[in-house]
Amino acid sequence: MKAAVAAYSEALKERTRKTVPLAWAATQNNLGLAFESIGKLQEAVNSYRLALQVFTPENHLPNYTRANGNLASVLEKLRAIGEIKQPGAGRPGSTSP
C-alpha cells in the first residue's frame, strides 16, 4: 500500500483542485484509504477532510457519504487507541486534539 500512497500523491500533482476538483477529491479520498491501510491515521484524516472540502451533501451526496464515513471510521480508530479523548474531538472547531 505504500506504492498506492506514492501513486496517489503523484496523481495529485496532475489532478489539482483548481483544474479537476472532483477527480482531485476522489484521489484525496483514495489517498486517505491508502494511508489508513498502512496505519498513518492522521494523514488519512487530513486526506478525508480535504476530499470533504469538495464533496458536500449539496453537490455530491454519494461521494460525501463515502468520504465522511471513511473519516468517521479513522477518527473512531484514533479514539480507540487514545489519540482522541472525547467524542467530537478532532472535528473542525473542536478544542480537543
Protein backbone atom coordinates (compact mmCIF):
# COMPACT_ATOMS: atom_id res chain seq x y z
CA MET A 1 0.00 0.00 0.00
CA LYS A 2 2.98 2.32 0.29
CA ALA A 3 3.08 2.14 -3.51
CA ALA A 4 -0.56 3.28 -3.57
CA VAL A 5 0.30 6.26 -1.36
CA ALA A 6 3.09 7.17 -3.75
CA ALA A 7 0.86 6.74 -6.80
CA TYR A 8 -1.99 8.84 -5.39
CA SER A 9 0.46 11.50 -4.24
CA GLU A 10 1.93 11.61 -7.72
CA ALA A 11 -1.55 11.78 -9.29
CA LEU A 12 -2.33 14.84 -7.16
CA LYS A 13 0.42 16.71 -9.00
CA GLU A 14 -1.69 16.43 -12.16
CA ARG A 15 -5.17 16.31 -10.64
CA THR A 16 -5.31 19.65 -8.92
CA ARG A 17 -8.26 21.02 -7.02
CA LYS A 18 -8.37 24.00 -9.32
CA THR A 19 -8.37 22.10 -12.62
CA VAL A 20 -10.36 18.94 -11.80
CA PRO A 21 -11.92 19.33 -8.35
CA LEU A 22 -13.99 16.12 -8.37
CA ALA A 23 -11.09 13.96 -9.54
CA TRP A 24 -8.84 15.71 -7.01
CA ALA A 25 -11.30 14.99 -4.19
CA ALA A 26 -11.69 11.36 -5.26
CA THR A 27 -7.91 10.99 -5.28
CA GLN A 28 -7.70 12.57 -1.82
CA ASN A 29 -10.28 10.06 -0.56
CA ASN A 30 -8.33 7.17 -2.10
CA LEU A 31 -5.11 8.52 -0.61
CA GLY A 32 -6.85 8.53 2.76
CA LEU A 33 -7.78 4.88 2.33
CA ALA A 34 -4.18 4.04 1.43
CA PHE A 35 -2.82 5.95 4.43
CA GLU A 36 -5.33 4.24 6.69
CA SER A 37 -4.33 0.79 5.42
CA ILE A 38 -0.69 1.38 6.42
CA GLY A 39 -1.58 2.83 9.80
CA LYS A 40 -0.93 6.51 9.03
CA LEU A 41 -4.20 7.56 10.60
CA GLN A 42 -3.60 11.28 10.98
CA GLU A 43 -2.56 11.52 7.34
CA ALA A 44 -5.77 9.67 6.44
CA VAL A 45 -7.81 12.19 8.44
CA ASN A 46 -6.14 15.02 6.57
CA SER A 47 -6.87 13.47 3.18
CA TYR A 48 -10.52 12.74 4.01
CA ARG A 49 -11.01 16.30 5.25
CA LEU A 50 -9.54 17.67 2.05
CA ALA A 51 -11.90 15.49 0.00
CA LEU A 52 -14.83 16.77 2.06
CA GLN A 53 -13.97 20.33 1.11
CA VAL A 54 -15.19 19.42 -2.40
CA PHE A 55 -17.64 16.60 -1.71
CA THR A 56 -20.56 18.23 0.08
CA PRO A 57 -24.07 16.91 0.72
CA GLU A 58 -25.38 19.55 -1.66
CA ASN A 59 -23.18 18.77 -4.66
CA HIS A 60 -22.10 15.11 -4.40
CA LEU A 61 -24.02 13.25 -1.73
CA PRO A 62 -22.78 9.69 -2.55
CA ASN A 63 -19.11 10.76 -2.53
CA TYR A 64 -19.68 12.94 0.53
CA THR A 65 -21.24 9.99 2.34
CA ARG A 66 -18.31 7.70 1.50
CA ALA A 67 -15.64 10.21 2.45
CA ASN A 68 -17.47 11.19 5.64
CA GLY A 69 -17.86 7.52 6.59
CA ASN A 70 -14.16 6.96 5.99
CA LEU A 71 -13.35 9.95 8.18
CA ALA A 72 -15.65 8.72 10.94
CA SER A 73 -14.03 5.29 10.81
CA VAL A 74 -10.49 6.58 11.18
CA LEU A 75 -11.49 9.03 13.92
CA GLU A 76 -13.01 6.09 15.81
CA LYS A 77 -9.73 4.18 15.41
CA LEU A 78 -7.85 7.17 16.80
CA ARG A 79 -10.28 7.40 19.71
CA ALA A 80 -9.87 3.67 20.41
CA ILE A 81 -6.09 4.00 20.68
CA GLY A 82 -6.35 7.09 22.87
CA GLU A 83 -5.34 9.68 20.28
CA ILE A 84 -8.74 11.37 20.64
CA LYS A 85 -10.02 11.76 24.17
CA GLN A 86 -13.70 12.55 23.72
CA PRO A 87 -16.48 12.22 21.16
CA GLY A 88 -16.40 15.12 18.74
CA ALA A 89 -12.70 15.77 19.30
CA GLY A 90 -10.73 16.18 16.15
CA ARG A 91 -13.56 17.94 14.34
CA PRO A 92 -13.10 21.43 13.00
CA GLY A 93 -13.91 23.88 15.77
CA SER A 94 -13.17 21.33 18.49
CA THR A 95 -10.94 22.37 21.35
CA SER A 96 -9.56 18.86 21.91
CA PRO A 97 -6.75 17.22 19.89
